[in-house]
Amino acid sequence: MGLFGRKKIRLGKSTSLNIGKRGISVSQKGGPFTISSRGNASMRLGKGLSKRKKLW
């Protein structure tokens, strides 16, 4: 099992700056959906469950 770490900095109510091992990205949240500047999208399905997909 690999270990990883990341840091999330809030830029506004629904925007955040994410800093991790592979670099920096920005994510925008709208309801149960989150879209990242790296082309990732996630949807919250319920308490503790989510689905992630690569868009591009």
PDB file of N, CA and C in Angstrom:
ATOM      1  N   MET A   1       0.850  -1.170   0.000  1.00  0.00           N
ATOM      2  CA  MET A   1       0.000   0.000   0.000  1.00  0.00           C
ATOM      3  C   MET A   1       0.898   1.236   0.000  1.00  0.00           C
ATOM      4  N   GLY A   2       0.640   2.159  -0.932  1.00  0.00           N
ATOM      5  CA  GLY A   2       1.424   3.379  -1.004  1.00  0.00           C
ATOM      6  C   GLY A   2       0.842   4.480  -0.138  1.00  0.00           C
ATOM      7  N   LEU A   3       1.705   5.320   0.343  1.00  0.00           N
ATOM      8  CA  LEU A   3       1.270   6.467   1.131  1.00  0.00           C
ATOM      9  C   LEU A   3       1.272   7.709   0.259  1.00  0.00           C
ATOM     10  N   PHE A   4       0.359   8.598   0.506  1.00  0.00           N
ATOM     11  CA  PHE A   4       0.320   9.842  -0.239  1.00  0.00           C
ATOM     12  C   PHE A   4      -0.152  10.947   0.678  1.00  0.00           C
ATOM     13  N   GLY A   5       0.168  12.153   0.296  1.00  0.00           N
ATOM     14  CA  GLY A   5      -0.266  13.310   1.069  1.00  0.00           C
ATOM     15  C   GLY A   5      -0.640  14.429   0.133  1.00  0.00           C
ATOM     16  N   ARG A   6      -1.557  15.256   0.569  1.00  0.00           N
ATOM     17  CA  ARG A   6      -1.945  16.409  -0.232  1.00  0.00           C
ATOM     18  C   ARG A   6      -2.424  17.515   0.690  1.00  0.00           C
ATOM     19  N   LYS A   7      -2.421  18.705   0.169  1.00  0.00           N
ATOM     20  CA  LYS A   7      -2.830  19.877   0.922  1.00  0.00           C
ATOM     21  C   LYS A   7      -3.882  20.610   0.111  1.00  0.00           C
ATOM     22  N   LYS A   8      -4.981  20.969   0.734  1.00  0.00           N
ATOM     23  CA  LYS A   8      -6.058  21.702   0.074  1.00  0.00           C
ATOM     24  C   LYS A   8      -6.162  23.080   0.700  1.00  0.00           C
ATOM     25  N   ILE A   9      -6.104  24.112  -0.158  1.00  0.00           N
ATOM     26  CA  ILE A   9      -6.223  25.497   0.291  1.00  0.00           C
ATOM     27  C   ILE A   9      -7.478  26.075  -0.333  1.00  0.00           C
ATOM     28  N   ARG A  10      -8.392  26.557   0.501  1.00  0.00           N
ATOM     29  CA  ARG A  10      -9.635  27.145   0.022  1.00  0.00           C
ATOM     30  C   ARG A  10      -9.377  28.518  -0.599  1.00  0.00           C
ATOM     31  N   LEU A  11      -9.876  28.726  -1.818  1.00  0.00           N
ATOM     32  CA  LEU A  11      -9.758  30.018  -2.493  1.00  0.00           C
ATOM     33  C   LEU A  11     -11.075  30.779  -2.476  1.00  0.00           C
ATOM     34  N   GLY A  12     -12.133  30.107  -2.165  1.00  0.00           N
ATOM     35  CA  GLY A  12     -13.462  30.704  -2.108  1.00  0.00           C
ATOM     36  C   GLY A  12     -14.427  29.674  -1.555  1.00  0.00           C
ATOM     37  N   LYS A  13     -15.697  29.940  -1.691  1.00  0.00           N
ATOM     38  CA  LYS A  13     -16.705  29.032  -1.151  1.00  0.00           C
ATOM     39  C   LYS A  13     -16.693  27.669  -1.847  1.00  0.00           C
ATOM     40  N   SER A  14     -16.494  27.637  -3.173  1.00  0.00           N
ATOM     41  CA  SER A  14     -16.551  26.375  -3.898  1.00  0.00           C
ATOM     42  C   SER A  14     -15.299  26.084  -4.725  1.00  0.00           C
ATOM     43  N   THR A  15     -14.229  26.846  -4.541  1.00  0.00           N
ATOM     44  CA  THR A  15     -12.990  26.659  -5.295  1.00  0.00           C
ATOM     45  C   THR A  15     -11.844  26.374  -4.339  1.00  0.00           C
ATOM     46  N   SER A  16     -10.977  25.427  -4.725  1.00  0.00           N
ATOM     47  CA  SER A  16      -9.832  25.119  -3.877  1.00  0.00           C
ATOM     48  C   SER A  16      -8.593  24.850  -4.716  1.00  0.00           C
ATOM     49  N   LEU A  17      -7.441  25.103  -4.128  1.00  0.00           N
ATOM     50  CA  LEU A  17      -6.140  24.853  -4.717  1.00  0.00           C
ATOM     51  C   LEU A  17      -5.595  23.599  -4.051  1.00  0.00           C
ATOM     52  N   ASN A  18      -5.270  22.580  -4.857  1.00  0.00           N
ATOM     53  CA  ASN A  18      -4.807  21.301  -4.343  1.00  0.00           C
ATOM     54  C   ASN A  18      -3.327  21.123  -4.654  1.00  0.00           C
ATOM     55  N   ILE A  19      -2.533  20.862  -3.633  1.00  0.00           N
ATOM     56  CA  ILE A  19      -1.097  20.684  -3.793  1.00  0.00           C
ATOM     57  C   ILE A  19      -0.756  19.262  -3.364  1.00  0.00           C
ATOM     58  N   GLY A  20      -0.113  18.512  -4.268  1.00  0.00           N
ATOM     59  CA  GLY A  20       0.233  17.125  -3.979  1.00  0.00           C
ATOM     60  C   GLY A  20       1.570  16.753  -4.581  1.00  0.00           C
ATOM     61  N   LYS A  21       1.884  15.479  -4.561  1.00  0.00           N
ATOM     62  CA  LYS A  21       3.149  14.962  -5.050  1.00  0.00           C
ATOM     63  C   LYS A  21       3.339  15.224  -6.548  1.00  0.00           C
ATOM     64  N   ARG A  22       2.262  15.136  -7.332  1.00  0.00           N
ATOM     65  CA  ARG A  22       2.349  15.297  -8.778  1.00  0.00           C
ATOM     66  C   ARG A  22       2.196  16.725  -9.256  1.00  0.00           C
ATOM     67  N   GLY A  23       1.934  17.668  -8.367  1.00  0.00           N
ATOM     68  CA  GLY A  23       1.819  19.054  -8.785  1.00  0.00           C
ATOM     69  C   GLY A  23       0.652  19.767  -8.146  1.00  0.00           C
ATOM     70  N   ILE A  24       0.210  20.818  -8.827  1.00  0.00           N
ATOM     71  CA  ILE A  24      -0.841  21.695  -8.308  1.00  0.00           C
ATOM     72  C   ILE A  24      -2.029  21.657  -9.276  1.00  0.00           C
ATOM     73  N   SER A  25      -3.237  21.639  -8.716  1.00  0.00           N
ATOM     74  CA  SER A  25      -4.442  21.726  -9.533  1.00  0.00           C
ATOM     75  C   SER A  25      -5.482  22.559  -8.808  1.00  0.00           C
ATOM     76  N   VAL A  26      -6.468  23.000  -9.563  1.00  0.00           N
ATOM     77  CA  VAL A  26      -7.579  23.782  -9.022  1.00  0.00           C
ATOM     78  C   VAL A  26      -8.844  22.961  -9.224  1.00  0.00           C
ATOM     79  N   SER A  27      -9.723  22.939  -8.225  1.00  0.00           N
ATOM     80  CA  SER A  27     -10.985  22.222  -8.369  1.00  0.00           C
ATOM     81  C   SER A  27     -12.151  23.143  -8.048  1.00  0.00           C
ATOM     82  N   GLN A  28     -13.248  22.902  -8.748  1.00  0.00           N
ATOM     83  CA  GLN A  28     -14.472  23.681  -8.598  1.00  0.00           C
ATOM     84  C   GLN A  28     -15.595  22.737  -8.212  1.00  0.00           C
ATOM     85  N   LYS A  29     -16.310  23.060  -7.140  1.00  0.00           N
ATOM     86  CA  LYS A  29     -17.380  22.218  -6.646  1.00  0.00           C
ATOM     87  C   LYS A  29     -18.723  22.861  -6.927  1.00  0.00           C
ATOM     88  N   GLY A  30     -19.682  22.026  -7.334  1.00  0.00           N
ATOM     89  CA  GLY A  30     -21.046  22.485  -7.569  1.00  0.00           C
ATOM     90  C   GLY A  30     -22.024  21.392  -7.180  1.00  0.00           C
ATOM     91  N   GLY A  31     -22.599  21.486  -6.020  1.00  0.00           N
ATOM     92  CA  GLY A  31     -23.508  20.439  -5.535  1.00  0.00           C
ATOM     93  C   GLY A  31     -22.731  19.159  -5.246  1.00  0.00           C
ATOM     94  N   PRO A  32     -23.223  18.013  -5.717  1.00  0.00           N
ATOM     95  CA  PRO A  32     -22.511  16.753  -5.471  1.00  0.00           C
ATOM     96  C   PRO A  32     -21.366  16.513  -6.450  1.00  0.00           C
ATOM     97  N   PHE A  33     -21.139  17.433  -7.405  1.00  0.00           N
ATOM     98  CA  PHE A  33     -20.109  17.267  -8.426  1.00  0.00           C
ATOM     99  C   PHE A  33     -18.894  18.137  -8.152  1.00  0.00           C
ATOM    100  N   THR A  34     -17.701  17.609  -8.453  1.00  0.00           N
ATOM    101  CA  THR A  34     -16.457  18.354  -8.382  1.00  0.00           C
ATOM    102  C   THR A  34     -15.676  18.110  -9.663  1.00  0.00           C
ATOM    103  N   ILE A  35     -15.174  19.176 -10.292  1.00  0.00           N
ATOM    104  CA  ILE A  35     -14.386  19.064 -11.508  1.00  0.00           C
ATOM    105  C   ILE A  35     -13.030  19.702 -11.263  1.00  0.00           C
ATOM    106  N   SER A  36     -11.961  18.986 -11.631  1.00  0.00           N
ATOM    107  CA  SER A  36     -10.595  19.426 -11.420  1.00  0.00           C
ATOM    108  C   SER A  36     -10.000  19.961 -12.717  1.00  0.00           C
ATOM    109  N   SER A  37      -8.988  20.815 -12.596  1.00  0.00           N
ATOM    110  CA  SER A  37      -8.297  21.348 -13.765  1.00  0.00           C
ATOM    111  C   SER A  37      -7.473  20.272 -14.472  1.00  0.00           C
ATOM    112  N   ARG A  38      -7.265  19.125 -13.846  1.00  0.00           N
ATOM    113  CA  ARG A  38      -6.539  18.013 -14.469  1.00  0.00           C
ATOM    114  C   ARG A  38      -7.449  17.074 -15.236  1.00  0.00           C
ATOM    115  N   GLY A  39      -8.737  17.383 -15.292  1.00  0.00           N
ATOM    116  CA  GLY A  39      -9.664  16.565 -16.065  1.00  0.00           C
ATOM    117  C   GLY A  39     -10.343  15.470 -15.262  1.00  0.00           C
ATOM    118  N   ASN A  40     -10.303  15.538 -13.959  1.00  0.00           N
ATOM    119  CA  ASN A  40     -10.978  14.558 -13.125  1.00  0.00           C
ATOM    120  C   ASN A  40     -12.327  15.103 -12.678  1.00  0.00           C
ATOM    121  N   ALA A  41     -13.306  14.229 -12.609  1.00  0.00           N
ATOM    122  CA  ALA A  41     -14.620  14.605 -12.098  1.00  0.00           C
ATOM    123  C   ALA A  41     -15.017  13.588 -11.043  1.00  0.00           C
ATOM    124  N   SER A  42     -15.661  14.051  -9.998  1.00  0.00           N
ATOM    125  CA  SER A  42     -16.160  13.137  -8.976  1.00  0.00           C
ATOM    126  C   SER A  42     -17.581  13.532  -8.607  1.00  0.00           C
ATOM    127  N   MET A  43     -18.338  12.520  -8.211  1.00  0.00           N
ATOM    128  CA  MET A  43     -19.719  12.735  -7.806  1.00  0.00           C
ATOM    129  C   MET A  43     -19.941  12.039  -6.473  1.00  0.00           C
ATOM    130  N   ARG A  44     -20.481  12.777  -5.524  1.00  0.00           N
ATOM    131  CA  ARG A  44     -20.785  12.228  -4.210  1.00  0.00           C
ATOM    132  C   ARG A  44     -22.077  11.425  -4.316  1.00  0.00           C
ATOM    133  N   LEU A  45     -22.030  10.139  -3.965  1.00  0.00           N
ATOM    134  CA  LEU A  45     -23.188   9.256  -4.082  1.00  0.00           C
ATOM    135  C   LEU A  45     -23.968   9.126  -2.782  1.00  0.00           C
ATOM    136  N   GLY A  46     -23.332   9.389  -1.700  1.00  0.00           N
ATOM    137  CA  GLY A  46     -23.969   9.268  -0.397  1.00  0.00           C
ATOM    138  C   GLY A  46     -22.921   9.449   0.676  1.00  0.00           C
ATOM    139  N   LYS A  47     -23.274   9.160   1.879  1.00  0.00           N
ATOM    140  CA  LYS A  47     -22.347   9.342   2.985  1.00  0.00           C
ATOM    141  C   LYS A  47     -21.164   8.378   2.848  1.00  0.00           C
ATOM    142  N   GLY A  48     -19.983   8.934   2.573  1.00  0.00           N
ATOM    143  CA  GLY A  48     -18.768   8.139   2.461  1.00  0.00           C
ATOM    144  C   GLY A  48     -18.555   7.454   1.125  1.00  0.00           C
ATOM    145  N   LEU A  49     -19.451   7.643   0.145  1.00  0.00           N
ATOM    146  CA  LEU A  49     -19.312   7.013  -1.156  1.00  0.00           C
ATOM    147  C   LEU A  49     -19.178   8.066  -2.244  1.00  0.00           C
ATOM    148  N   SER A  50     -18.272   7.817  -3.183  1.00  0.00           N
ATOM    149  CA  SER A  50     -18.133   8.723  -4.324  1.00  0.00           C
ATOM    150  C   SER A  50     -17.659   7.944  -5.533  1.00  0.00           C
ATOM    151  N   LYS A  51     -17.881   8.515  -6.710  1.00  0.00           N
ATOM    152  CA  LYS A  51     -17.471   7.931  -7.973  1.00  0.00           C
ATOM    153  C   LYS A  51     -16.568   8.914  -8.678  1.00  0.00           C
ATOM    154  N   ARG A  52     -15.397   8.456  -9.158  1.00  0.00           N
ATOM    155  CA  ARG A  52     -14.471   9.330  -9.867  1.00  0.00           C
ATOM    156  C   ARG A  52     -14.299   8.860 -11.290  1.00  0.00           C
ATOM    157  N   LYS A  53     -14.083   9.804 -12.215  1.00  0.00           N
ATOM    158  CA  LYS A  53     -13.887   9.487 -13.617  1.00  0.00           C
ATOM    159  C   LYS A  53     -12.938  10.496 -14.244  1.00  0.00           C
ATOM    160  N   LYS A  54     -12.089  10.022 -15.135  1.00  0.00           N
ATOM    161  CA  LYS A  54     -11.184  10.882 -15.898  1.00  0.00           C
ATOM    162  C   LYS A  54     -11.921  11.400 -17.131  1.00  0.00           C
ATOM    163  N   LEU A  55     -12.017  12.728 -17.288  1.00  0.00           N
ATOM    164  CA  LEU A  55     -12.746  13.310 -18.413  1.00  0.00           C
ATOM    165  C   LEU A  55     -11.885  13.446 -19.661  1.00  0.00           C
ATOM    166  N   TRP A  56     -10.633  13.843 -19.516  1.00  0.00           N
ATOM    167  CA  TRP A  56      -9.724  13.968 -20.665  1.00  0.00           C
ATOM    168  C   TRP A  56      -8.360  13.524 -20.307  1.00  0.00           C
TER     169      TRP A  56
END
